[in-house]
C-alpha atoms as a PDB file:
ATOM      1  CA  UNK A   1      18.037  14.728  -1.619  1.00  0.00           C
ATOM      2  CA  UNK A   2      14.723  12.840  -1.590  1.00  0.00           C
ATOM      3  CA  UNK A   3      15.268  12.137   2.105  1.00  0.00           C
ATOM      4  CA  UNK A   4      15.425  15.877   2.776  1.00  0.00           C
ATOM      5  CA  UNK A   5      12.451  16.729   0.561  1.00  0.00           C
ATOM      6  CA  UNK A   6      10.203  14.007   1.950  1.00  0.00           C
ATOM      7  CA  UNK A   7      11.232  14.743   5.529  1.00  0.00           C
ATOM      8  CA  UNK A   8      10.553  18.448   5.029  1.00  0.00           C
ATOM      9  CA  UNK A   9       7.053  17.705   3.722  1.00  0.00           C
ATOM     10  CA  UNK A  10       6.436  15.255   6.548  1.00  0.00           C
ATOM     11  CA  UNK A  11       7.397  17.804   9.203  1.00  0.00           C
ATOM     12  CA  UNK A  12       4.612  20.129   8.058  1.00  0.00           C
ATOM     13  CA  UNK A  13       2.143  17.309   7.553  1.00  0.00           C
ATOM     14  CA  UNK A  14       2.698  15.883  11.035  1.00  0.00           C
ATOM     15  CA  UNK A  15       2.679  19.155  12.981  1.00  0.00           C
ATOM     16  CA  UNK A  16       0.006  21.070  11.044  1.00  0.00           C
ATOM     17  CA  UNK A  17      -3.191  20.493   9.087  1.00  0.00           C
ATOM     18  CA  UNK A  18      -1.290  20.333   5.768  1.00  0.00           C
ATOM     19  CA  UNK A  19      -2.008  16.867   4.300  1.00  0.00           C
ATOM     20  CA  UNK A  20       0.674  14.482   3.079  1.00  0.00           C
ATOM     21  CA  UNK A  21       0.710  13.901  -0.707  1.00  0.00           C
ATOM     22  CA  UNK A  22      -0.879  10.475  -1.226  1.00  0.00           C
ATOM     23  CA  UNK A  23       1.431   9.524  -4.086  1.00  0.00           C
ATOM     24  CA  UNK A  24       4.541   9.662  -1.902  1.00  0.00           C
ATOM     25  CA  UNK A  25       5.585   6.721   0.250  1.00  0.00           C
ATOM     26  CA  UNK A  26       7.423   7.469   3.472  1.00  0.00           C
ATOM     27  CA  UNK A  27       9.821   5.309   5.448  1.00  0.00           C
ATOM     28  CA  UNK A  28      10.490   5.370   9.186  1.00  0.00           C
ATOM     29  CA  UNK A  29      13.875   6.918   8.425  1.00  0.00           C
ATOM     30  CA  UNK A  30      12.253   9.831   6.592  1.00  0.00           C
ATOM     31  CA  UNK A  31       9.658  10.221   9.331  1.00  0.00           C
ATOM     32  CA  UNK A  32      12.401  10.339  11.954  1.00  0.00           C
ATOM     33  CA  UNK A  33      14.528  12.777   9.957  1.00  0.00           C
ATOM     34  CA  UNK A  34      11.530  15.106   9.604  1.00  0.00           C
ATOM     35  CA  UNK A  35      12.123  16.407  13.120  1.00  0.00           C
ATOM     36  CA  UNK A  36      15.154  18.245  11.713  1.00  0.00           C
ATOM     37  CA  UNK A  37      12.720  20.744  10.225  1.00  0.00           C
ATOM     38  CA  UNK A  38      10.426  21.260  13.203  1.00  0.00           C
ATOM     39  CA  UNK A  39      11.941  24.728  13.823  1.00  0.00           C
ATOM     40  CA  UNK A  40      11.053  25.661  10.227  1.00  0.00           C
ATOM     41  CA  UNK A  41       7.466  24.607  10.884  1.00  0.00           C
ATOM     42  CA  UNK A  42       7.546  26.803  13.972  1.00  0.00           C
ATOM     43  CA  UNK A  43       8.925  29.699  11.927  1.00  0.00           C
ATOM     44  CA  UNK A  44       6.095  29.344   9.413  1.00  0.00           C
ATOM     45  CA  UNK A  45       3.500  29.312  12.185  1.00  0.00           C
ATOM     46  CA  UNK A  46       5.127  32.341  13.796  1.00  0.00           C
ATOM     47  CA  UNK A  47       5.138  34.286  10.531  1.00  0.00           C
ATOM     48  CA  UNK A  48       1.435  33.590  10.044  1.00  0.00           C
ATOM     49  CA  UNK A  49       0.778  34.749  13.616  1.00  0.00           C
ATOM     50  CA  UNK A  50       2.482  38.029  12.823  1.00  0.00           C
ATOM     51  CA  UNK A  51       0.622  38.274   9.507  1.00  0.00           C
ATOM     52  CA  UNK A  52      -2.665  37.951  11.405  1.00  0.00           C
ATOM     53  CA  UNK A  53      -1.593  40.801  13.686  1.00  0.00           C
ATOM     54  CA  UNK A  54      -0.509  42.937  10.735  1.00  0.00           C
ATOM     55  CA  UNK A  55      -3.791  42.296   8.894  1.00  0.00           C
ATOM     56  CA  UNK A  56      -6.026  43.143  11.857  1.00  0.00           C
ATOM     57  CA  UNK A  57      -3.959  45.896  13.483  1.00  0.00           C
ATOM     58  CA  UNK A  58      -6.019  48.814  12.150  1.00  0.00           C
ATOM     59  CA  UNK A  59      -9.418  47.161  12.486  1.00  0.00           C
ATOM     60  CA  UNK A  60      -9.580  45.570  15.921  1.00  0.00           C
ATOM     61  CA  UNK A  61      -8.227  46.233  19.412  1.00  0.00           C
ATOM     62  CA  UNK A  62      -5.303  44.110  20.511  1.00  0.00           C
ATOM     63  CA  UNK A  63      -7.347  41.799  22.713  1.00  0.00           C
ATOM     64  CA  UNK A  64      -9.442  40.767  19.704  1.00  0.00           C
ATOM     65  CA  UNK A  65      -6.329  40.236  17.586  1.00  0.00           C
ATOM     66  CA  UNK A  66      -4.776  38.178  20.386  1.00  0.00           C
ATOM     67  CA  UNK A  67      -7.869  35.984  20.338  1.00  0.00           C
ATOM     68  CA  UNK A  68      -7.550  35.370  16.604  1.00  0.00           C
ATOM     69  CA  UNK A  69      -3.852  34.541  16.950  1.00  0.00           C
ATOM     70  CA  UNK A  70      -4.587  32.092  19.754  1.00  0.00           C
ATOM     71  CA  UNK A  71      -7.345  30.517  17.681  1.00  0.00           C
ATOM     72  CA  UNK A  72      -4.948  30.064  14.772  1.00  0.00           C
ATOM     73  CA  UNK A  73      -2.303  28.496  17.021  1.00  0.00           C
ATOM     74  CA  UNK A  74      -4.882  26.038  18.286  1.00  0.00           C
ATOM     75  CA  UNK A  75      -6.367  25.043  14.942  1.00  0.00           C
ATOM     76  CA  UNK A  76      -3.079  25.068  13.004  1.00  0.00           C
ATOM     77  CA  UNK A  77      -1.907  21.995  14.893  1.00  0.00           C
ATOM     78  CA  UNK A  78      -5.284  20.189  14.805  1.00  0.00           C
ATOM     79  CA  UNK A  79      -5.340  20.362  18.627  1.00  0.00           C
ATOM     80  CA  UNK A  80      -2.580  17.734  18.560  1.00  0.00           C
ATOM     81  CA  UNK A  81      -0.351  19.340  21.183  1.00  0.00           C
ATOM     82  CA  UNK A  82      -3.210  20.610  23.343  1.00  0.00           C
ATOM     83  CA  UNK A  83      -4.631  17.100  23.447  1.00  0.00           C
ATOM     84  CA  UNK A  84      -1.269  15.827  24.670  1.00  0.00           C
ATOM     85  CA  UNK A  85      -1.141  18.530  27.331  1.00  0.00           C
ATOM     86  CA  UNK A  86      -4.612  17.632  28.603  1.00  0.00           C
ATOM     87  CA  UNK A  87      -3.798  13.924  28.681  1.00  0.00           C
ATOM     88  CA  UNK A  88      -0.645  14.647  30.685  1.00  0.00           C
ATOM     89  CA  UNK A  89      -2.568  16.757  33.197  1.00  0.00           C
ATOM     90  CA  UNK A  90      -5.124  13.996  33.681  1.00  0.00           C
ATOM     91  CA  UNK A  91      -2.514  11.256  33.889  1.00  0.00           C
ATOM     92  CA  UNK A  92       0.051  13.002  36.073  1.00  0.00           C
ATOM     93  CA  UNK A  93      -2.474  14.273  38.625  1.00  0.00           C
ATOM     94  CA  UNK A  94      -5.077  11.529  38.384  1.00  0.00           C
ATOM     95  CA  UNK A  95      -2.941   8.395  38.602  1.00  0.00           C
ATOM     96  CA  UNK A  96      -1.232   6.937  41.654  1.00  0.00           C
ATOM     97  CA  UNK A  97       1.304   4.771  39.809  1.00  0.00           C
ATOM     98  CA  UNK A  98       2.897   4.640  36.372  1.00  0.00           C
ATOM     99  CA  UNK A  99       0.561   1.947  35.017  1.00  0.00           C
ATOM    100  CA  UNK A 100      -2.534   3.897  36.026  1.00  0.00           C
ATOM    101  CA  UNK A 101      -1.130   7.141  34.632  1.00  0.00           C
ATOM    102  CA  UNK A 102      -0.429   5.531  31.259  1.00  0.00           C
ATOM    103  CA  UNK A 103      -3.917   4.041  31.252  1.00  0.00           C
ATOM    104  CA  UNK A 104      -5.507   7.424  31.945  1.00  0.00           C
ATOM    105  CA  UNK A 105      -3.427   9.132  29.261  1.00  0.00           C
ATOM    106  CA  UNK A 106      -4.601   6.587  26.695  1.00  0.00           C
ATOM    107  CA  UNK A 107      -8.253   7.225  27.554  1.00  0.00           C
ATOM    108  CA  UNK A 108      -9.817   9.466  24.849  1.00  0.00           C
ATOM    109  CA  UNK A 109     -12.007  11.240  27.405  1.00  0.00           C
ATOM    110  CA  UNK A 110     -10.832  14.447  29.089  1.00  0.00           C
ATOM    111  CA  UNK A 111     -10.963  14.664  32.867  1.00  0.00           C
ATOM    112  CA  UNK A 112     -11.148  17.525  35.338  1.00  0.00           C
ATOM    113  CA  UNK A 113      -7.389  18.059  35.548  1.00  0.00           C
ATOM    114  CA  UNK A 114      -7.069  18.254  31.780  1.00  0.00           C
ATOM    115  CA  UNK A 115     -10.005  20.644  31.462  1.00  0.00           C
ATOM    116  CA  UNK A 116      -8.811  23.035  34.150  1.00  0.00           C
ATOM    117  CA  UNK A 117      -5.226  22.787  32.937  1.00  0.00           C
ATOM    118  CA  UNK A 118      -6.027  23.690  29.336  1.00  0.00           C
ATOM    119  CA  UNK A 119      -8.217  26.629  30.412  1.00  0.00           C
ATOM    120  CA  UNK A 120      -5.388  28.028  32.531  1.00  0.00           C
ATOM    121  CA  UNK A 121      -2.870  27.400  29.741  1.00  0.00           C
ATOM    122  CA  UNK A 122      -4.975  29.201  27.123  1.00  0.00           C
ATOM    123  CA  UNK A 123      -5.604  32.145  29.456  1.00  0.00           C
ATOM    124  CA  UNK A 124      -1.870  32.500  30.063  1.00  0.00           C
ATOM    125  CA  UNK A 125      -1.147  32.291  26.331  1.00  0.00           C
ATOM    126  CA  UNK A 126      -3.805  34.883  25.551  1.00  0.00           C
ATOM    127  CA  UNK A 127      -2.394  37.240  28.189  1.00  0.00           C
ATOM    128  CA  UNK A 128       1.156  36.887  26.877  1.00  0.00           C
ATOM    129  CA  UNK A 129       0.126  37.391  23.249  1.00  0.00           C
ATOM    130  CA  UNK A 130      -1.920  40.441  24.236  1.00  0.00           C
ATOM    131  CA  UNK A 131       1.035  41.871  26.160  1.00  0.00           C
ATOM    132  CA  UNK A 132       3.336  41.273  23.191  1.00  0.00           C
ATOM    133  CA  UNK A 133       0.965  43.237  20.954  1.00  0.00           C
ATOM    134  CA  UNK A 134       0.566  46.028  23.498  1.00  0.00           C
ATOM    135  CA  UNK A 135       4.296  46.358  24.134  1.00  0.00           C
ATOM    136  CA  UNK A 136       5.208  46.605  20.453  1.00  0.00           C
ATOM    137  CA  UNK A 137       7.388  43.486  20.466  1.00  0.00           C
ATOM    138  CA  UNK A 138       4.984  41.359  18.456  1.00  0.00           C
ATOM    139  CA  UNK A 139       7.275  40.930  15.432  1.00  0.00           C
ATOM    140  CA  UNK A 140      10.010  39.165  17.369  1.00  0.00           C
ATOM    141  CA  UNK A 141       7.888  37.368  19.953  1.00  0.00           C
ATOM    142  CA  UNK A 142       5.231  36.091  17.544  1.00  0.00           C
ATOM    143  CA  UNK A 143       7.781  34.710  15.107  1.00  0.00           C
ATOM    144  CA  UNK A 144      10.233  33.192  17.568  1.00  0.00           C
ATOM    145  CA  UNK A 145       8.269  31.447  20.306  1.00  0.00           C
ATOM    146  CA  UNK A 146       6.821  28.758  17.964  1.00  0.00           C
ATOM    147  CA  UNK A 147      10.371  28.074  16.745  1.00  0.00           C
ATOM    148  CA  UNK A 148      11.624  27.485  20.281  1.00  0.00           C
ATOM    149  CA  UNK A 149       8.712  25.229  21.259  1.00  0.00           C
ATOM    150  CA  UNK A 150       9.106  23.010  18.187  1.00  0.00           C
ATOM    151  CA  UNK A 151      12.827  22.763  18.871  1.00  0.00           C
ATOM    152  CA  UNK A 152      11.956  21.691  22.420  1.00  0.00           C
ATOM    153  CA  UNK A 153      10.108  18.676  21.043  1.00  0.00           C
ATOM    154  CA  UNK A 154      13.198  17.687  19.066  1.00  0.00           C
ATOM    155  CA  UNK A 155      15.293  17.966  22.225  1.00  0.00           C
ATOM    156  CA  UNK A 156      12.860  15.724  24.090  1.00  0.00           C
ATOM    157  CA  UNK A 157      12.742  13.197  21.254  1.00  0.00           C
ATOM    158  CA  UNK A 158      16.518  12.773  21.184  1.00  0.00           C
ATOM    159  CA  UNK A 159      17.007  12.870  24.966  1.00  0.00           C
ATOM    160  CA  UNK A 160      14.341  10.553  26.330  1.00  0.00           C
ATOM    161  CA  UNK A 161      13.228   7.049  25.466  1.00  0.00           C
ATOM    162  CA  UNK A 162       9.766   6.519  24.041  1.00  0.00           C
ATOM    163  CA  UNK A 163       7.955   4.284  26.494  1.00  0.00           C
ATOM    164  CA  UNK A 164       5.539   2.625  24.067  1.00  0.00           C
ATOM    165  CA  UNK A 165       7.580   0.555  21.564  1.00  0.00           C
ATOM    166  CA  UNK A 166       4.670   0.163  19.143  1.00  0.00           C
ATOM    167  CA  UNK A 167       3.535   3.784  19.317  1.00  0.00           C
ATOM    168  CA  UNK A 168       4.020   6.538  16.750  1.00  0.00           C
ATOM    169  CA  UNK A 169       6.886   8.053  18.712  1.00  0.00           C
ATOM    170  CA  UNK A 170       9.004   4.939  18.236  1.00  0.00           C
ATOM    171  CA  UNK A 171       9.398   5.912  14.564  1.00  0.00           C
ATOM    172  CA  UNK A 172      11.537   8.868  15.643  1.00  0.00           C
ATOM    173  CA  UNK A 173      14.217   6.648  17.175  1.00  0.00           C
ATOM    174  CA  UNK A 174      16.649   5.929  14.311  1.00  0.00           C
ATOM    175  CA  UNK A 175      20.363   6.200  13.686  1.00  0.00           C
ATOM    176  CA  UNK A 176      19.875   9.667  12.155  1.00  0.00           C
ATOM    177  CA  UNK A 177      18.589  11.132  15.420  1.00  0.00           C
ATOM    178  CA  UNK A 178      21.867  12.899  16.229  1.00  0.00           C
ATOM    179  CA  UNK A 179      22.075  14.465  12.758  1.00  0.00           C
ATOM    180  CA  UNK A 180      18.475  15.647  13.063  1.00  0.00           C
ATOM    181  CA  UNK A 181      19.230  17.272  16.393  1.00  0.00           C
ATOM    182  CA  UNK A 182      22.260  19.109  15.005  1.00  0.00           C
ATOM    183  CA  UNK A 183      20.235  20.446  12.080  1.00  0.00           C
ATOM    184  CA  UNK A 184      17.406  21.542  14.382  1.00  0.00           C
ATOM    185  CA  UNK A 185      19.911  23.303  16.655  1.00  0.00           C
ATOM    186  CA  UNK A 186      21.537  25.165  13.770  1.00  0.00           C
ATOM    187  CA  UNK A 187      18.171  26.252  12.388  1.00  0.00           C
ATOM    188  CA  UNK A 188      16.834  27.411  15.756  1.00  0.00           C
ATOM    189  CA  UNK A 189      19.946  29.347  16.756  1.00  0.00           C
ATOM    190  CA  UNK A 190      20.281  30.810  13.270  1.00  0.00           C
ATOM    191  CA  UNK A 191      16.683  32.043  13.198  1.00  0.00           C
ATOM    192  CA  UNK A 192      16.973  33.594  16.662  1.00  0.00           C
ATOM    193  CA  UNK A 193      20.220  35.452  15.958  1.00  0.00           C
ATOM    194  CA  UNK A 194      19.178  36.604  12.479  1.00  0.00           C
ATOM    195  CA  UNK A 195      15.931  38.078  13.794  1.00  0.00           C
ATOM    196  CA  UNK A 196      17.423  39.843  16.799  1.00  0.00           C
ATOM    197  CA  UNK A 197      21.065  40.368  15.721  1.00  0.00           C
ATOM    198  CA  UNK A 198      21.976  39.566  19.324  1.00  0.00           C
ATOM    199  CA  UNK A 199      23.432  36.545  21.068  1.00  0.00           C
ATOM    200  CA  UNK A 200      21.072  37.300  23.952  1.00  0.00           C
ATOM    201  CA  UNK A 201      18.481  35.505  21.836  1.00  0.00           C
ATOM    202  CA  UNK A 202      20.174  32.301  22.996  1.00  0.00           C
ATOM    203  CA  UNK A 203      18.830  32.869  26.517  1.00  0.00           C
ATOM    204  CA  UNK A 204      15.249  31.812  25.675  1.00  0.00           C
ATOM    205  CA  UNK A 205      16.591  28.738  23.894  1.00  0.00           C
ATOM    206  CA  UNK A 206      18.623  27.824  26.971  1.00  0.00           C
ATOM    207  CA  UNK A 207      15.682  28.292  29.339  1.00  0.00           C
ATOM    208  CA  UNK A 208      13.302  26.377  27.087  1.00  0.00           C
ATOM    209  CA  UNK A 209      15.905  23.619  26.916  1.00  0.00           C
ATOM    210  CA  UNK A 210      16.228  23.500  30.707  1.00  0.00           C
ATOM    211  CA  UNK A 211      12.460  23.336  31.065  1.00  0.00           C
ATOM    212  CA  UNK A 212      12.258  20.545  28.493  1.00  0.00           C
ATOM    213  CA  UNK A 213      14.863  18.462  30.318  1.00  0.00           C
ATOM    214  CA  UNK A 214      13.176  19.070  33.684  1.00  0.00           C
ATOM    215  CA  UNK A 215       9.723  18.190  32.356  1.00  0.00           C
ATOM    216  CA  UNK A 216      11.139  15.182  30.559  1.00  0.00           C
ATOM    217  CA  UNK A 217      12.771  13.763  33.671  1.00  0.00           C
ATOM    218  CA  UNK A 218       9.606  14.363  35.696  1.00  0.00           C
ATOM    219  CA  UNK A 219       7.527  12.598  33.041  1.00  0.00           C
ATOM    220  CA  UNK A 220      10.022   9.746  32.882  1.00  0.00           C
ATOM    221  CA  UNK A 221       9.781   9.261  36.631  1.00  0.00           C
ATOM    222  CA  UNK A 222       5.991   9.431  36.721  1.00  0.00           C
ATOM    223  CA  UNK A 223       5.505   7.105  33.745  1.00  0.00           C
ATOM    224  CA  UNK A 224       8.068   4.501  34.685  1.00  0.00           C
ATOM    225  CA  UNK A 225      11.014   5.023  32.374  1.00  0.00           C
ATOM    226  CA  UNK A 226      10.110   7.051  29.315  1.00  0.00           C
ATOM    227  CA  UNK A 227       7.852   9.524  27.556  1.00  0.00           C
ATOM    228  CA  UNK A 228       4.732   9.195  25.414  1.00  0.00           C
ATOM    229  CA  UNK A 229       3.543  11.253  22.471  1.00  0.00           C
ATOM    230  CA  UNK A 230       1.338  13.193  24.877  1.00  0.00           C
ATOM    231  CA  UNK A 231       4.444  14.332  26.740  1.00  0.00           C
ATOM    232  CA  UNK A 232       5.916  15.818  23.576  1.00  0.00           C
ATOM    233  CA  UNK A 233       2.708  17.739  22.975  1.00  0.00           C
ATOM    234  CA  UNK A 234       2.737  19.028  26.543  1.00  0.00           C
ATOM    235  CA  UNK A 235       6.368  20.075  26.126  1.00  0.00           C
ATOM    236  CA  UNK A 236       5.449  22.084  23.039  1.00  0.00           C
ATOM    237  CA  UNK A 237       2.546  23.839  24.758  1.00  0.00           C
ATOM    238  CA  UNK A 238       4.425  24.714  27.932  1.00  0.00           C
ATOM    239  CA  UNK A 239       7.564  25.693  26.014  1.00  0.00           C
ATOM    240  CA  UNK A 240       5.510  28.235  24.075  1.00  0.00           C
ATOM    241  CA  UNK A 241       4.693  29.871  27.401  1.00  0.00           C
ATOM    242  CA  UNK A 242       8.291  29.726  28.652  1.00  0.00           C
ATOM    243  CA  UNK A 243       9.549  31.119  25.355  1.00  0.00           C
ATOM    244  CA  UNK A 244       7.080  34.008  25.312  1.00  0.00           C
ATOM    245  CA  UNK A 245       7.754  34.956  28.931  1.00  0.00           C
ATOM    246  CA  UNK A 246      11.517  34.979  28.388  1.00  0.00           C
ATOM    247  CA  UNK A 247      11.312  36.931  25.138  1.00  0.00           C
ATOM    248  CA  UNK A 248       8.990  39.528  26.650  1.00  0.00           C
ATOM    249  CA  UNK A 249      11.304  40.028  29.625  1.00  0.00           C
ATOM    250  CA  UNK A 250      14.333  40.452  27.364  1.00  0.00           C
ATOM    251  CA  UNK A 251      12.594  42.845  24.985  1.00  0.00           C
ATOM    252  CA  UNK A 252      10.991  44.966  27.686  1.00  0.00           C
ATOM    253  CA  UNK A 253      13.806  45.145  30.240  1.00  0.00           C
ATOM    254  CA  UNK A 254      16.118  48.005  29.290  1.00  0.00           C
ATOM    255  CA  UNK A 255      15.907  47.050  25.632  1.00  0.00           C
ATOM    256  CA  UNK A 256      18.123  43.989  25.962  1.00  0.00           C
ATOM    257  CA  UNK A 257      16.900  42.858  22.577  1.00  0.00           C
ATOM    258  CA  UNK A 258      15.674  44.866  19.621  1.00  0.00           C
END
């Protein structure tokens, strides 16, 4: 029971600004098992996104509300995933071999590729959030896309080797990895079907999963055999976009969902 409780707390502490209680000691096993609850973290973030929309709906136009939601998404994760995305853009496009790419990704400075990439990413996110608010599908889209993107990180963690043995990501590789993945799958699928009452909600999960595998294999090839923590952050950020696009298509094409 303590494993579950500590892992649940750790999942929020690692992925958001919520601090870890100082009196609790955590093991690598508990840290690894915490990824079981990443979809729950995503659900919480999604619910707050919708709460922001609901609170501002009668006071501001949708483009202002979309800006506040995007700001919350960015600050809620302490820029952790965006930083990983920018590092990947710099490393993937700025290095000519795996060693150089890893060196660039470890550099704390942001280069041109990372800067341009994050601007484009945020513009796309803003546009999709704005469209979700305008189309009246904000309840489902806002709540579900963070769930799918956090699940995508779990998929990447259990599928691909972490390339830096002494890095933080190595703590996720334990014997409980398979159990964590099963729990994350059940939670993600359950949330999607409960919210939409339709098995078509599995389509975004499938597409996000395909994207995660494709991005993971590309990263593995470019980095020489595995992924880094930056890759997981980039997977989360890009999976948010894939998830939103798929959900918006399903909700706005002949009412396939909702």
